[in-house]
Amino acid sequence: MVDRRTGIPATPPNTNAELFQFLDAVRRLMLKLSDDVIRIDAEDDTAMRWIQAQLAVHDNGNWSTGVLTPTMRNGVYQKVTNAGAFRLTPPRESGEMLILLVNGSAAGTVTTSDFDKVTGSSLTTTSGHAFIGAVRVIETWSWLNWQAMQ
């Protein structure tokens, strides 16, 4: 039998029962998946440790000479203390990171000429001044944007 207004076949009488059976099966599956996720989470916290590692701040230490090439493997947030003149080069991997640069008492010039593009605030060597550098690398192209924090 077809509905005269829509032309759509009329719903068989057992459709609601079949729909409720289907929804009950979905509910049971979701409960099982939820239990599996809780069990896996309790047994293996690898995912949580990975997330925490990505959000932790990696300290590159004091740099007073040489070349600092940060790596994306050390996480999204990194910091370095400017303790003298050194060169900052782009990571070799594609990705994004933020680097906190804090000038120590003997801060020197930070050379960034290896980046394809450097924009933003000019770095100073004033002790205590801080800068956040947003680093973006796609394939071989790199961009560093500094923001003074004082």
Protein backbone atom coordinates (compact mmCIF):
# COMPACT_ATOMS: atom_id res chain seq x y z
CA MET A 1 0.00 0.00 0.00
CA VAL A 2 1.32 3.46 -0.96
CA ASP A 3 0.64 6.72 0.85
CA ARG A 4 -1.48 8.85 -1.50
CA ARG A 5 0.12 12.16 -0.45
CA THR A 6 3.81 11.21 -0.70
CA GLY A 7 3.88 8.20 -2.99
CA ILE A 8 6.05 6.43 -0.43
CA PRO A 9 5.12 2.86 0.43
CA ALA A 10 3.31 2.57 3.75
CA THR A 11 5.36 1.42 6.70
CA PRO A 12 5.02 -2.28 7.45
CA PRO A 13 3.62 -2.94 10.89
CA ASN A 14 6.83 -4.54 12.22
CA THR A 15 9.12 -1.58 11.33
CA ASN A 16 9.05 -0.12 14.85
CA ALA A 17 9.93 -3.48 16.36
CA GLU A 18 12.83 -3.90 13.91
CA LEU A 19 13.99 -0.35 14.60
CA PHE A 20 13.94 -0.95 18.37
CA GLN A 21 15.91 -4.17 17.89
CA PHE A 22 18.48 -2.31 15.81
CA LEU A 23 18.77 0.53 18.34
CA ASP A 24 19.14 -1.97 21.18
CA ALA A 25 21.95 -3.71 19.28
CA VAL A 26 23.69 -0.33 18.75
CA ARG A 27 23.30 0.48 22.48
CA ARG A 28 24.85 -2.86 23.48
CA LEU A 29 27.73 -2.32 21.03
CA MET A 30 28.39 1.18 22.40
CA LEU A 31 28.45 -0.16 25.98
CA LYS A 32 30.92 -2.86 24.95
CA LEU A 33 33.13 -0.32 23.14
CA SER A 34 33.01 1.94 26.19
CA ASP A 35 34.09 -0.95 28.42
CA ASP A 36 36.90 -1.82 25.98
CA VAL A 37 38.16 1.79 25.94
CA ILE A 38 38.15 1.95 29.75
CA ARG A 39 40.02 -1.39 29.94
CA ILE A 40 42.61 -0.33 27.35
CA ASP A 41 43.08 3.02 29.08
CA ALA A 42 43.61 1.27 32.42
CA GLU A 43 46.09 -1.20 30.92
CA ASP A 44 48.08 1.09 28.64
CA ASP A 45 48.46 4.82 29.14
CA THR A 46 50.71 5.28 26.09
CA ALA A 47 48.33 7.75 24.46
CA MET A 48 48.12 9.88 27.61
CA ARG A 49 51.90 9.84 28.05
CA TRP A 50 52.32 10.91 24.40
CA ILE A 51 49.86 13.80 24.86
CA GLN A 52 51.61 14.91 28.04
CA ALA A 53 54.98 14.78 26.28
CA GLN A 54 53.66 16.99 23.48
CA LEU A 55 52.37 19.58 25.96
CA ALA A 56 55.41 19.56 28.23
CA VAL A 57 58.02 22.28 27.73
CA HIS A 58 61.32 20.86 26.51
CA ASP A 59 64.30 22.82 27.84
CA ASN A 60 67.08 23.14 25.27
CA GLY A 61 69.30 24.61 28.00
CA ASN A 62 71.71 27.57 27.87
CA TRP A 63 73.21 28.43 24.50
CA SER A 64 76.24 30.67 24.28
CA THR A 65 77.89 29.40 21.10
CA GLY A 66 77.29 27.00 18.24
CA VAL A 67 74.13 26.00 16.38
CA LEU A 68 70.78 25.08 17.93
CA THR A 69 68.55 23.06 15.60
CA PRO A 70 65.43 22.18 17.57
CA THR A 71 63.59 19.01 16.64
CA MET A 72 59.84 18.48 16.45
CA ARG A 73 60.36 15.20 18.33
CA ASN A 74 60.96 17.23 21.50
CA GLY A 75 57.40 18.57 21.42
CA VAL A 76 55.46 21.63 20.47
CA TYR A 77 56.67 23.80 23.35
CA GLN A 78 60.38 24.42 23.80
CA LYS A 79 62.58 26.95 25.52
CA VAL A 80 66.17 28.12 25.38
CA THR A 81 68.25 30.55 27.42
CA ASN A 82 70.34 33.02 25.44
CA ALA A 83 73.68 32.95 27.25
CA GLY A 84 75.78 34.29 24.36
CA ALA A 85 75.84 34.57 20.57
CA PHE A 86 74.56 31.46 18.78
CA ARG A 87 72.75 30.43 15.61
CA LEU A 88 69.15 29.14 15.60
CA THR A 89 68.31 27.02 12.56
CA PRO A 90 64.96 25.55 11.45
CA PRO A 91 64.00 22.01 12.40
CA ARG A 92 64.58 19.40 9.71
CA GLU A 93 61.01 18.03 10.04
CA SER A 94 57.78 19.63 8.87
CA GLY A 95 55.58 20.90 11.68
CA GLU A 96 54.99 23.77 14.08
CA MET A 97 56.46 24.66 17.46
CA LEU A 98 56.77 27.57 19.86
CA ILE A 99 60.16 28.45 21.31
CA LEU A 100 60.51 30.63 24.40
CA LEU A 101 63.82 32.51 24.24
CA VAL A 102 64.86 34.14 27.52
CA ASN A 103 67.92 36.39 27.64
CA GLY A 104 70.41 35.56 30.35
CA SER A 105 72.87 38.04 31.87
CA ALA A 106 75.38 37.52 29.04
CA ALA A 107 72.88 37.32 26.15
CA GLY A 108 74.32 37.63 22.67
CA THR A 109 73.07 37.98 19.12
CA VAL A 110 70.87 35.14 17.90
CA THR A 111 71.42 34.55 14.18
CA THR A 112 68.32 33.26 12.37
CA SER A 113 69.39 33.72 8.74
CA ASP A 114 68.91 30.01 7.95
CA PHE A 115 65.13 30.49 8.06
CA ASP A 116 63.50 31.34 4.73
CA LYS A 117 61.43 34.08 6.38
CA VAL A 118 61.85 35.84 9.76
CA THR A 119 59.18 38.30 10.89
CA GLY A 120 57.92 39.99 14.02
CA SER A 121 59.69 41.67 16.91
CA SER A 122 63.40 42.42 16.83
CA LEU A 123 65.40 40.46 19.37
CA THR A 124 67.31 42.34 22.05
CA THR A 125 70.14 41.22 24.29
CA THR A 126 68.73 42.86 27.42
CA SER A 127 68.91 40.49 30.38
CA GLY A 128 65.51 39.14 31.34
CA HIS A 129 63.80 39.99 28.06
CA ALA A 130 61.74 37.11 26.67
CA PHE A 131 60.52 36.31 23.18
CA ILE A 132 58.26 33.60 21.82
CA GLY A 133 59.14 32.35 18.37
CA ALA A 134 56.50 30.60 16.29
CA VAL A 135 58.30 28.19 13.98
CA ARG A 136 56.61 26.68 10.95
CA VAL A 137 58.28 24.26 8.56
CA ILE A 138 56.66 22.72 5.49
CA GLU A 139 58.97 20.44 3.54
CA THR A 140 62.04 22.66 2.99
CA TRP A 141 60.33 26.04 3.64
CA SER A 142 60.66 27.63 7.05
CA TRP A 143 59.23 30.68 8.79
CA LEU A 144 60.06 32.14 12.19
CA ASN A 145 57.88 34.85 13.75
CA TRP A 146 59.14 36.48 16.98
CA GLN A 147 56.89 38.15 19.56
CA ALA A 148 58.45 40.22 22.35
CA MET A 149 56.92 39.40 25.73
CA GLN A 150 57.83 42.65 27.52
